[in-house]
All heavy atoms as atom14 arrays in JSON, in Angstrom:
{
  "sequence": "EVSLFLFDDAGMYPNGVRLNIIPSYGRVYPQQLVVKGEEPGIVKLVSK",
  "atom14_mask": [
    [1, 1, 1, 1, 1, 1, 1, 1, 1, 0, 0, 0, 0, 0],
    [1, 1, 1, 1, 1, 1, 1, 0, 0, 0, 0, 0, 0, 0],
    [1, 1, 1, 1, 1, 1, 0, 0, 0, 0, 0, 0, 0, 0],
    [1, 1, 1, 1, 1, 1, 1, 1, 0, 0, 0, 0, 0, 0],
    [1, 1, 1, 1, 1, 1, 1, 1, 1, 1, 1, 0, 0, 0],
    [1, 1, 1, 1, 1, 1, 1, 1, 0, 0, 0, 0, 0, 0],
    [1, 1, 1, 1, 1, 1, 1, 1, 1, 1, 1, 0, 0, 0],
    [1, 1, 1, 1, 1, 1, 1, 1, 0, 0, 0, 0, 0, 0],
    [1, 1, 1, 1, 1, 1, 1, 1, 0, 0, 0, 0, 0, 0],
    [1, 1, 1, 1, 1, 0, 0, 0, 0, 0, 0, 0, 0, 0],
    [1, 1, 1, 1, 0, 0, 0, 0, 0, 0, 0, 0, 0, 0],
    [1, 1, 1, 1, 1, 1, 1, 1, 0, 0, 0, 0, 0, 0],
    [1, 1, 1, 1, 1, 1, 1, 1, 1, 1, 1, 1, 0, 0],
    [1, 1, 1, 1, 1, 1, 1, 0, 0, 0, 0, 0, 0, 0],
    [1, 1, 1, 1, 1, 1, 1, 1, 0, 0, 0, 0, 0, 0],
    [1, 1, 1, 1, 0, 0, 0, 0, 0, 0, 0, 0, 0, 0],
    [1, 1, 1, 1, 1, 1, 1, 0, 0, 0, 0, 0, 0, 0],
    [1, 1, 1, 1, 1, 1, 1, 1, 1, 1, 1, 0, 0, 0],
    [1, 1, 1, 1, 1, 1, 1, 1, 0, 0, 0, 0, 0, 0],
    [1, 1, 1, 1, 1, 1, 1, 1, 0, 0, 0, 0, 0, 0],
    [1, 1, 1, 1, 1, 1, 1, 1, 0, 0, 0, 0, 0, 0],
    [1, 1, 1, 1, 1, 1, 1, 1, 0, 0, 0, 0, 0, 0],
    [1, 1, 1, 1, 1, 1, 1, 0, 0, 0, 0, 0, 0, 0],
    [1, 1, 1, 1, 1, 1, 0, 0, 0, 0, 0, 0, 0, 0],
    [1, 1, 1, 1, 1, 1, 1, 1, 1, 1, 1, 1, 0, 0],
    [1, 1, 1, 1, 0, 0, 0, 0, 0, 0, 0, 0, 0, 0],
    [1, 1, 1, 1, 1, 1, 1, 1, 1, 1, 1, 0, 0, 0],
    [1, 1, 1, 1, 1, 1, 1, 0, 0, 0, 0, 0, 0, 0],
    [1, 1, 1, 1, 1, 1, 1, 1, 1, 1, 1, 1, 0, 0],
    [1, 1, 1, 1, 1, 1, 1, 0, 0, 0, 0, 0, 0, 0],
    [1, 1, 1, 1, 1, 1, 1, 1, 1, 0, 0, 0, 0, 0],
    [1, 1, 1, 1, 1, 1, 1, 1, 1, 0, 0, 0, 0, 0],
    [1, 1, 1, 1, 1, 1, 1, 1, 0, 0, 0, 0, 0, 0],
    [1, 1, 1, 1, 1, 1, 1, 0, 0, 0, 0, 0, 0, 0],
    [1, 1, 1, 1, 1, 1, 1, 0, 0, 0, 0, 0, 0, 0],
    [1, 1, 1, 1, 1, 1, 1, 1, 1, 0, 0, 0, 0, 0],
    [1, 1, 1, 1, 0, 0, 0, 0, 0, 0, 0, 0, 0, 0],
    [1, 1, 1, 1, 1, 1, 1, 1, 1, 0, 0, 0, 0, 0],
    [1, 1, 1, 1, 1, 1, 1, 1, 1, 0, 0, 0, 0, 0],
    [1, 1, 1, 1, 1, 1, 1, 0, 0, 0, 0, 0, 0, 0],
    [1, 1, 1, 1, 0, 0, 0, 0, 0, 0, 0, 0, 0, 0],
    [1, 1, 1, 1, 1, 1, 1, 1, 0, 0, 0, 0, 0, 0],
    [1, 1, 1, 1, 1, 1, 1, 0, 0, 0, 0, 0, 0, 0],
    [1, 1, 1, 1, 1, 1, 1, 1, 1, 0, 0, 0, 0, 0],
    [1, 1, 1, 1, 1, 1, 1, 1, 0, 0, 0, 0, 0, 0],
    [1, 1, 1, 1, 1, 1, 1, 0, 0, 0, 0, 0, 0, 0],
    [1, 1, 1, 1, 1, 1, 0, 0, 0, 0, 0, 0, 0, 0],
    [1, 1, 1, 1, 1, 1, 1, 1, 1, 0, 0, 0, 0, 0]
  ],
  "atom14_positions": [
    [[40.75, -17.99, 42.55], [41.29, -17.1, 43.5], [41.36, -17.83, 44.81], [40.42, -18.33, 45.33], [40.49, -15.82, 43.6], [41.23, -14.85, 44.49], [40.45, -13.58, 44.55], [40.48, -12.69, 43.57], [39.7, -13.33, 45.57], [0.0, 0.0, 0.0], [0.0, 0.0, 0.0], [0.0, 0.0, 0.0], [0.0, 0.0, 0.0], [0.0, 0.0, 0.0]],
    [[42.63, -17.89, 45.38], [42.9, -18.53, 46.68], [43.37, -17.44, 47.68], [44.3, -16.68, 47.38], [43.93, -19.59, 46.52], [44.25, -20.33, 47.83], [43.54, -20.68, 45.57], [0.0, 0.0, 0.0], [0.0, 0.0, 0.0], [0.0, 0.0, 0.0], [0.0, 0.0, 0.0], [0.0, 0.0, 0.0], [0.0, 0.0, 0.0], [0.0, 0.0, 0.0]],
    [[42.76, -17.39, 48.79], [43.07, -16.4, 49.85], [43.8, -17.11, 50.96], [43.4, -18.16, 51.45], [41.89, -15.72, 50.38], [41.12, -15.03, 49.35], [0.0, 0.0, 0.0], [0.0, 0.0, 0.0], [0.0, 0.0, 0.0], [0.0, 0.0, 0.0], [0.0, 0.0, 0.0], [0.0, 0.0, 0.0], [0.0, 0.0, 0.0], [0.0, 0.0, 0.0]],
    [[44.9, -16.53, 51.42], [45.73, -17.05, 52.49], [45.7, -16.09, 53.63], [46.26, -15.01, 53.55], [47.17, -17.36, 52.02], [47.27, -18.33, 50.83], [47.59, -17.6, 49.57], [48.32, -19.4, 51.13], [0.0, 0.0, 0.0], [0.0, 0.0, 0.0], [0.0, 0.0, 0.0], [0.0, 0.0, 0.0], [0.0, 0.0, 0.0], [0.0, 0.0, 0.0]],
    [[44.99, -16.5, 54.72], [44.84, -15.67, 55.92], [45.87, -16.04, 57.01], [46.04, -17.24, 57.3], [43.42, -15.71, 56.45], [42.41, -15.07, 55.57], [41.82, -15.71, 54.52], [42.06, -13.73, 55.88], [40.8, -15.07, 53.77], [41.09, -13.1, 55.09], [40.51, -13.74, 54.05], [0.0, 0.0, 0.0], [0.0, 0.0, 0.0], [0.0, 0.0, 0.0]],
    [[46.45, -15.04, 57.63], [47.35, -15.23, 58.72], [46.59, -14.93, 59.99], [46.05, -13.89, 60.17], [48.57, -14.34, 58.63], [49.64, -14.4, 59.8], [50.25, -15.72, 59.88], [50.69, -13.28, 59.5], [0.0, 0.0, 0.0], [0.0, 0.0, 0.0], [0.0, 0.0, 0.0], [0.0, 0.0, 0.0], [0.0, 0.0, 0.0], [0.0, 0.0, 0.0]],
    [[46.66, -15.89, 60.94], [45.94, -15.85, 62.24], [46.96, -15.9, 63.33], [47.98, -16.59, 63.22], [44.86, -16.9, 62.46], [43.65, -16.74, 61.55], [43.62, -17.53, 60.35], [42.61, -15.94, 61.83], [42.52, -17.34, 59.5], [41.58, -15.78, 60.96], [41.51, -16.53, 59.83], [0.0, 0.0, 0.0], [0.0, 0.0, 0.0], [0.0, 0.0, 0.0]],
    [[46.65, -15.16, 64.4], [47.56, -15.21, 65.58], [46.56, -15.09, 66.85], [45.87, -14.1, 66.99], [48.54, -14.14, 65.58], [49.58, -14.28, 66.72], [49.26, -13.92, 67.9], [50.69, -14.75, 66.43], [0.0, 0.0, 0.0], [0.0, 0.0, 0.0], [0.0, 0.0, 0.0], [0.0, 0.0, 0.0], [0.0, 0.0, 0.0], [0.0, 0.0, 0.0]],
    [[46.62, -16.1, 67.69], [45.64, -16.09, 68.84], [45.9, -14.89, 69.76], [44.91, -14.41, 70.3], [45.9, -17.41, 69.7], [45.5, -18.68, 68.84], [44.71, -18.48, 67.89], [46.0, -19.76, 69.21], [0.0, 0.0, 0.0], [0.0, 0.0, 0.0], [0.0, 0.0, 0.0], [0.0, 0.0, 0.0], [0.0, 0.0, 0.0], [0.0, 0.0, 0.0]],
    [[47.13, -14.49, 69.92], [47.36, -13.42, 70.89], [47.32, -12.06, 70.2], [47.53, -10.94, 70.76], [48.72, -13.56, 71.49], [0.0, 0.0, 0.0], [0.0, 0.0, 0.0], [0.0, 0.0, 0.0], [0.0, 0.0, 0.0], [0.0, 0.0, 0.0], [0.0, 0.0, 0.0], [0.0, 0.0, 0.0], [0.0, 0.0, 0.0], [0.0, 0.0, 0.0]],
    [[47.1, -12.03, 68.8], [47.14, -10.75, 68.11], [48.57, -10.17, 67.86], [48.68, -9.08, 67.38], [0.0, 0.0, 0.0], [0.0, 0.0, 0.0], [0.0, 0.0, 0.0], [0.0, 0.0, 0.0], [0.0, 0.0, 0.0], [0.0, 0.0, 0.0], [0.0, 0.0, 0.0], [0.0, 0.0, 0.0], [0.0, 0.0, 0.0], [0.0, 0.0, 0.0]],
    [[49.58, -10.97, 68.11], [50.94, -10.59, 67.94], [51.42, -11.18, 66.63], [52.0, -12.12, 66.51], [51.85, -11.07, 69.08], [51.37, -10.66, 70.41], [51.47, -8.83, 70.65], [53.28, -8.63, 70.61], [0.0, 0.0, 0.0], [0.0, 0.0, 0.0], [0.0, 0.0, 0.0], [0.0, 0.0, 0.0], [0.0, 0.0, 0.0], [0.0, 0.0, 0.0]],
    [[51.11, -10.49, 65.48], [51.33, -11.03, 64.17], [52.88, -10.82, 63.84], [53.47, -9.86, 64.22], [50.58, -10.32, 63.11], [49.08, -10.66, 63.13], [48.23, -9.83, 63.91], [48.6, -11.74, 62.46], [46.82, -10.17, 63.96], [47.27, -12.04, 62.56], [46.36, -11.22, 63.28], [45.09, -11.59, 63.39], [0.0, 0.0, 0.0], [0.0, 0.0, 0.0]],
    [[53.43, -11.85, 63.15], [54.8, -11.71, 62.73], [54.93, -10.53, 61.75], [54.0, -10.08, 61.17], [55.09, -13.08, 61.96], [54.01, -13.95, 62.44], [52.89, -13.13, 62.76], [0.0, 0.0, 0.0], [0.0, 0.0, 0.0], [0.0, 0.0, 0.0], [0.0, 0.0, 0.0], [0.0, 0.0, 0.0], [0.0, 0.0, 0.0], [0.0, 0.0, 0.0]],
    [[56.23, -10.07, 61.66], [56.51, -8.96, 60.73], [56.19, -9.21, 59.35], [55.75, -8.34, 58.57], [57.91, -8.41, 60.92], [58.23, -7.89, 62.25], [57.3, -7.29, 62.87], [59.39, -8.05, 62.77], [0.0, 0.0, 0.0], [0.0, 0.0, 0.0], [0.0, 0.0, 0.0], [0.0, 0.0, 0.0], [0.0, 0.0, 0.0], [0.0, 0.0, 0.0]],
    [[56.31, -10.45, 58.94], [56.03, -10.8, 57.59], [56.37, -12.33, 57.36], [57.37, -12.8, 57.87], [0.0, 0.0, 0.0], [0.0, 0.0, 0.0], [0.0, 0.0, 0.0], [0.0, 0.0, 0.0], [0.0, 0.0, 0.0], [0.0, 0.0, 0.0], [0.0, 0.0, 0.0], [0.0, 0.0, 0.0], [0.0, 0.0, 0.0], [0.0, 0.0, 0.0]],
    [[55.38, -13.0, 56.67], [55.57, -14.46, 56.48], [55.68, -14.61, 54.95], [54.77, -14.31, 54.22], [54.44, -15.28, 57.06], [54.62, -16.78, 56.75], [54.34, -14.99, 58.55], [0.0, 0.0, 0.0], [0.0, 0.0, 0.0], [0.0, 0.0, 0.0], [0.0, 0.0, 0.0], [0.0, 0.0, 0.0], [0.0, 0.0, 0.0], [0.0, 0.0, 0.0]],
    [[56.81, -15.15, 54.42], [56.97, -15.49, 53.07], [56.41, -16.9, 52.79], [56.73, -17.85, 53.42], [58.45, -15.37, 52.67], [58.72, -15.68, 51.22], [60.2, -15.59, 50.89], [60.58, -14.14, 51.11], [60.46, -13.09, 50.24], [59.87, -13.39, 49.02], [60.84, -11.93, 50.48], [0.0, 0.0, 0.0], [0.0, 0.0, 0.0], [0.0, 0.0, 0.0]],
    [[55.51, -16.93, 51.76], [54.87, -18.14, 51.39], [55.29, -18.56, 49.94], [55.24, -17.73, 49.01], [53.33, -17.97, 51.42], [52.72, -17.55, 52.73], [51.22, -17.37, 52.64], [53.0, -18.63, 53.83], [0.0, 0.0, 0.0], [0.0, 0.0, 0.0], [0.0, 0.0, 0.0], [0.0, 0.0, 0.0], [0.0, 0.0, 0.0], [0.0, 0.0, 0.0]],
    [[55.65, -19.8, 49.82], [55.88, -20.41, 48.47], [54.7, -21.29, 48.26], [54.43, -22.21, 48.96], [57.22, -21.13, 48.43], [58.46, -20.27, 48.55], [58.43, -19.14, 48.03], [59.45, -20.74, 49.27], [0.0, 0.0, 0.0], [0.0, 0.0, 0.0], [0.0, 0.0, 0.0], [0.0, 0.0, 0.0], [0.0, 0.0, 0.0], [0.0, 0.0, 0.0]],
    [[54.08, -21.14, 47.01], [52.88, -21.93, 46.71], [53.26, -22.77, 45.46], [53.68, -22.31, 44.37], [51.74, -21.01, 46.35], [51.33, -20.16, 47.54], [50.5, -21.85, 45.93], [51.92, -18.83, 47.47], [0.0, 0.0, 0.0], [0.0, 0.0, 0.0], [0.0, 0.0, 0.0], [0.0, 0.0, 0.0], [0.0, 0.0, 0.0], [0.0, 0.0, 0.0]],
    [[53.08, -24.11, 45.68], [53.39, -25.05, 44.59], [52.18, -25.86, 44.32], [51.66, -26.63, 45.11], [54.54, -26.01, 45.04], [55.74, -25.23, 45.47], [54.9, -26.97, 43.92], [56.8, -26.02, 46.17], [0.0, 0.0, 0.0], [0.0, 0.0, 0.0], [0.0, 0.0, 0.0], [0.0, 0.0, 0.0], [0.0, 0.0, 0.0], [0.0, 0.0, 0.0]],
    [[51.59, -25.79, 43.06], [50.37, -26.49, 42.75], [50.75, -27.88, 42.2], [51.75, -27.97, 41.56], [49.66, -25.58, 41.7], [50.9, -24.94, 40.98], [51.93, -24.74, 42.03], [0.0, 0.0, 0.0], [0.0, 0.0, 0.0], [0.0, 0.0, 0.0], [0.0, 0.0, 0.0], [0.0, 0.0, 0.0], [0.0, 0.0, 0.0], [0.0, 0.0, 0.0]],
    [[49.79, -28.84, 42.34], [50.01, -30.18, 41.88], [49.8, -30.21, 40.36], [50.34, -31.05, 39.63], [49.06, -31.16, 42.46], [47.68, -30.81, 42.33], [0.0, 0.0, 0.0], [0.0, 0.0, 0.0], [0.0, 0.0, 0.0], [0.0, 0.0, 0.0], [0.0, 0.0, 0.0], [0.0, 0.0, 0.0], [0.0, 0.0, 0.0], [0.0, 0.0, 0.0]],
    [[48.98, -29.3, 39.77], [48.73, -29.15, 38.36], [48.67, -27.6, 38.11], [48.35, -26.8, 39.0], [47.51, -29.76, 37.81], [47.55, -31.3, 37.95], [46.93, -31.88, 39.06], [48.04, -32.09, 36.96], [46.89, -33.26, 39.11], [48.07, -33.44, 37.02], [47.46, -34.1, 38.18], [47.49, -35.4, 38.2], [0.0, 0.0, 0.0], [0.0, 0.0, 0.0]],
    [[48.82, -27.24, 36.83], [48.64, -25.83, 36.4], [49.64, -24.88, 36.86], [50.82, -25.29, 37.3], [0.0, 0.0, 0.0], [0.0, 0.0, 0.0], [0.0, 0.0, 0.0], [0.0, 0.0, 0.0], [0.0, 0.0, 0.0], [0.0, 0.0, 0.0], [0.0, 0.0, 0.0], [0.0, 0.0, 0.0], [0.0, 0.0, 0.0], [0.0, 0.0, 0.0]],
    [[49.32, -23.64, 36.86], [50.28, -22.51, 37.21], [49.61, -21.56, 38.22], [48.37, -21.36, 38.16], [50.58, -21.75, 35.95], [51.31, -22.49, 34.87], [51.51, -21.7, 33.6], [50.26, -21.29, 33.01], [50.07, -20.23, 32.37], [50.93, -19.34, 32.05], [48.83, -20.01, 31.81], [0.0, 0.0, 0.0], [0.0, 0.0, 0.0], [0.0, 0.0, 0.0]],
    [[50.39, -21.04, 39.15], [49.87, -20.14, 40.16], [50.64, -18.77, 40.06], [51.88, -18.85, 39.82], [50.05, -20.76, 41.58], [51.46, -21.02, 41.93], [49.31, -19.89, 42.61], [0.0, 0.0, 0.0], [0.0, 0.0, 0.0], [0.0, 0.0, 0.0], [0.0, 0.0, 0.0], [0.0, 0.0, 0.0], [0.0, 0.0, 0.0], [0.0, 0.0, 0.0]],
    [[49.96, -17.7, 40.2], [50.45, -16.36, 40.13], [50.1, -15.57, 41.31], [48.88, -15.45, 41.62], [50.05, -15.67, 38.86], [50.46, -16.33, 37.54], [49.63, -17.29, 37.02], [51.54, -15.95, 36.92], [50.0, -17.91, 35.79], [51.98, -16.61, 35.77], [51.18, -17.54, 35.15], [51.49, -18.17, 34.03], [0.0, 0.0, 0.0], [0.0, 0.0, 0.0]],
    [[50.99, -14.92, 42.08], [52.44, -15.22, 41.97], [52.8, -16.54, 42.73], [51.99, -17.02, 43.52], [53.0, -13.98, 42.72], [51.92, -13.65, 43.77], [50.67, -13.92, 43.05], [0.0, 0.0, 0.0], [0.0, 0.0, 0.0], [0.0, 0.0, 0.0], [0.0, 0.0, 0.0], [0.0, 0.0, 0.0], [0.0, 0.0, 0.0], [0.0, 0.0, 0.0]],
    [[53.97, -17.03, 42.55], [54.39, -18.23, 43.09], [54.93, -17.95, 44.51], [55.0, -18.82, 45.39], [55.55, -18.94, 42.34], [55.04, -19.39, 40.94], [56.09, -20.07, 40.12], [57.29, -19.96, 40.48], [55.73, -20.81, 39.03], [0.0, 0.0, 0.0], [0.0, 0.0, 0.0], [0.0, 0.0, 0.0], [0.0, 0.0, 0.0], [0.0, 0.0, 0.0]],
    [[55.29, -16.66, 44.8], [55.76, -16.35, 46.12], [55.09, -14.98, 46.53], [54.8, -14.12, 45.64], [57.3, -16.09, 46.15], [58.13, -17.36, 45.91], [59.54, -17.04, 45.94], [59.98, -15.86, 45.98], [60.4, -18.13, 45.95], [0.0, 0.0, 0.0], [0.0, 0.0, 0.0], [0.0, 0.0, 0.0], [0.0, 0.0, 0.0], [0.0, 0.0, 0.0]],
    [[54.76, -14.87, 47.83], [54.21, -13.61, 48.29], [54.45, -13.52, 49.75], [54.82, -14.5, 50.45], [52.74, -13.54, 48.02], [51.69, -14.33, 48.87], [50.31, -13.63, 48.71], [51.69, -15.75, 48.47], [0.0, 0.0, 0.0], [0.0, 0.0, 0.0], [0.0, 0.0, 0.0], [0.0, 0.0, 0.0], [0.0, 0.0, 0.0], [0.0, 0.0, 0.0]],
    [[54.31, -12.28, 50.33], [54.6, -12.06, 51.72], [53.23, -11.66, 52.39], [52.59, -10.72, 51.83], [55.65, -10.96, 51.95], [55.82, -10.62, 53.46], [56.95, -11.41, 51.37], [0.0, 0.0, 0.0], [0.0, 0.0, 0.0], [0.0, 0.0, 0.0], [0.0, 0.0, 0.0], [0.0, 0.0, 0.0], [0.0, 0.0, 0.0], [0.0, 0.0, 0.0]],
    [[52.85, -12.29, 53.45], [51.62, -11.96, 54.16], [52.0, -11.25, 55.5], [52.84, -11.76, 56.24], [50.78, -13.22, 54.44], [49.5, -12.83, 55.15], [50.46, -13.94, 53.22], [0.0, 0.0, 0.0], [0.0, 0.0, 0.0], [0.0, 0.0, 0.0], [0.0, 0.0, 0.0], [0.0, 0.0, 0.0], [0.0, 0.0, 0.0], [0.0, 0.0, 0.0]],
    [[51.4, -10.07, 55.64], [51.61, -9.37, 56.91], [50.35, -9.0, 57.6], [49.29, -8.66, 56.98], [52.33, -7.99, 56.59], [53.74, -8.15, 55.92], [54.35, -6.78, 55.67], [55.7, -6.99, 55.0], [56.38, -5.59, 54.75], [0.0, 0.0, 0.0], [0.0, 0.0, 0.0], [0.0, 0.0, 0.0], [0.0, 0.0, 0.0], [0.0, 0.0, 0.0]],
    [[50.3, -9.1, 58.88], [49.17, -8.78, 59.68], [47.85, -9.49, 59.24], [47.89, -10.7, 58.81], [0.0, 0.0, 0.0], [0.0, 0.0, 0.0], [0.0, 0.0, 0.0], [0.0, 0.0, 0.0], [0.0, 0.0, 0.0], [0.0, 0.0, 0.0], [0.0, 0.0, 0.0], [0.0, 0.0, 0.0], [0.0, 0.0, 0.0], [0.0, 0.0, 0.0]],
    [[46.71, -8.78, 59.31], [45.48, -9.46, 58.97], [45.09, -9.42, 57.55], [44.07, -10.01, 57.12], [44.37, -8.87, 59.8], [44.57, -9.07, 61.39], [43.39, -8.47, 62.19], [43.07, -7.33, 61.85], [43.0, -9.12, 63.19], [0.0, 0.0, 0.0], [0.0, 0.0, 0.0], [0.0, 0.0, 0.0], [0.0, 0.0, 0.0], [0.0, 0.0, 0.0]],
    [[45.85, -8.69, 56.78], [45.44, -8.59, 55.33], [45.94, -9.86, 54.6], [47.1, -10.3, 54.75], [46.23, -7.41, 54.71], [46.01, -7.23, 53.2], [44.56, -6.73, 52.92], [43.95, -6.12, 53.82], [44.14, -6.97, 51.77], [0.0, 0.0, 0.0], [0.0, 0.0, 0.0], [0.0, 0.0, 0.0], [0.0, 0.0, 0.0], [0.0, 0.0, 0.0]],
    [[44.94, -10.57, 53.92], [45.26, -11.84, 53.29], [46.17, -11.75, 52.11], [46.18, -10.71, 51.41], [43.95, -12.42, 52.98], [43.12, -11.23, 52.75], [43.6, -10.19, 53.7], [0.0, 0.0, 0.0], [0.0, 0.0, 0.0], [0.0, 0.0, 0.0], [0.0, 0.0, 0.0], [0.0, 0.0, 0.0], [0.0, 0.0, 0.0], [0.0, 0.0, 0.0]],
    [[46.85, -12.82, 51.78], [47.57, -12.81, 50.51], [46.65, -13.53, 49.46], [45.93, -14.45, 49.75], [0.0, 0.0, 0.0], [0.0, 0.0, 0.0], [0.0, 0.0, 0.0], [0.0, 0.0, 0.0], [0.0, 0.0, 0.0], [0.0, 0.0, 0.0], [0.0, 0.0, 0.0], [0.0, 0.0, 0.0], [0.0, 0.0, 0.0], [0.0, 0.0, 0.0]],
    [[46.72, -12.96, 48.22], [45.88, -13.46, 47.19], [46.7, -14.03, 45.97], [47.69, -13.4, 45.57], [44.99, -12.43, 46.56], [44.2, -11.62, 47.7], [44.04, -12.96, 45.55], [43.19, -12.55, 48.43], [0.0, 0.0, 0.0], [0.0, 0.0, 0.0], [0.0, 0.0, 0.0], [0.0, 0.0, 0.0], [0.0, 0.0, 0.0], [0.0, 0.0, 0.0]],
    [[46.37, -15.29, 45.59], [47.1, -15.84, 44.47], [45.94, -16.37, 43.53], [44.82, -16.64, 43.92], [48.01, -17.06, 44.85], [49.12, -16.61, 45.75], [47.24, -18.15, 45.51], [0.0, 0.0, 0.0], [0.0, 0.0, 0.0], [0.0, 0.0, 0.0], [0.0, 0.0, 0.0], [0.0, 0.0, 0.0], [0.0, 0.0, 0.0], [0.0, 0.0, 0.0]],
    [[46.27, -16.53, 42.25], [45.39, -16.97, 41.2], [46.01, -18.23, 40.57], [47.19, -18.3, 40.32], [45.03, -15.97, 40.17], [44.28, -14.84, 40.79], [43.82, -13.86, 39.75], [42.88, -12.74, 40.31], [42.37, -11.82, 39.27], [0.0, 0.0, 0.0], [0.0, 0.0, 0.0], [0.0, 0.0, 0.0], [0.0, 0.0, 0.0], [0.0, 0.0, 0.0]],
    [[45.09, -19.17, 40.23], [45.51, -20.55, 39.74], [44.77, -20.76, 38.45], [43.52, -20.61, 38.37], [45.23, -21.54, 40.82], [45.41, -23.07, 40.34], [46.91, -23.36, 40.12], [44.83, -23.98, 41.34], [0.0, 0.0, 0.0], [0.0, 0.0, 0.0], [0.0, 0.0, 0.0], [0.0, 0.0, 0.0], [0.0, 0.0, 0.0], [0.0, 0.0, 0.0]],
    [[45.49, -21.17, 37.37], [44.85, -21.64, 36.15], [45.5, -22.98, 35.79], [46.58, -23.32, 36.21], [45.17, -20.64, 35.01], [44.5, -19.34, 35.27], [46.61, -20.44, 34.76], [0.0, 0.0, 0.0], [0.0, 0.0, 0.0], [0.0, 0.0, 0.0], [0.0, 0.0, 0.0], [0.0, 0.0, 0.0], [0.0, 0.0, 0.0], [0.0, 0.0, 0.0]],
    [[44.7, -23.75, 35.09], [45.16, -25.1, 34.71], [44.46, -25.48, 33.37], [43.4, -25.06, 33.07], [44.85, -26.09, 35.83], [45.22, -27.4, 35.43], [0.0, 0.0, 0.0], [0.0, 0.0, 0.0], [0.0, 0.0, 0.0], [0.0, 0.0, 0.0], [0.0, 0.0, 0.0], [0.0, 0.0, 0.0], [0.0, 0.0, 0.0], [0.0, 0.0, 0.0]],
    [[45.12, -26.38, 32.67], [44.64, -27.03, 31.46], [44.3, -28.5, 31.64], [43.96, -29.21, 30.72], [45.52, -26.79, 30.19], [45.57, -25.36, 29.75], [46.37, -25.21, 28.41], [46.33, -23.8, 27.97], [47.12, -23.64, 26.73], [0.0, 0.0, 0.0], [0.0, 0.0, 0.0], [0.0, 0.0, 0.0], [0.0, 0.0, 0.0], [0.0, 0.0, 0.0]]
  ]
}
């Protein structure tokens, strides 16, 4: 499980940041997600 946290020094968070995640090996779910405010985005990675 990988957590992606959005930080803003002034507390003025963007309306939404779209993230594309590309692993060097394996598969990641989901490959795209939107992070808003202080709530982190969560992706899961598996590999053989």
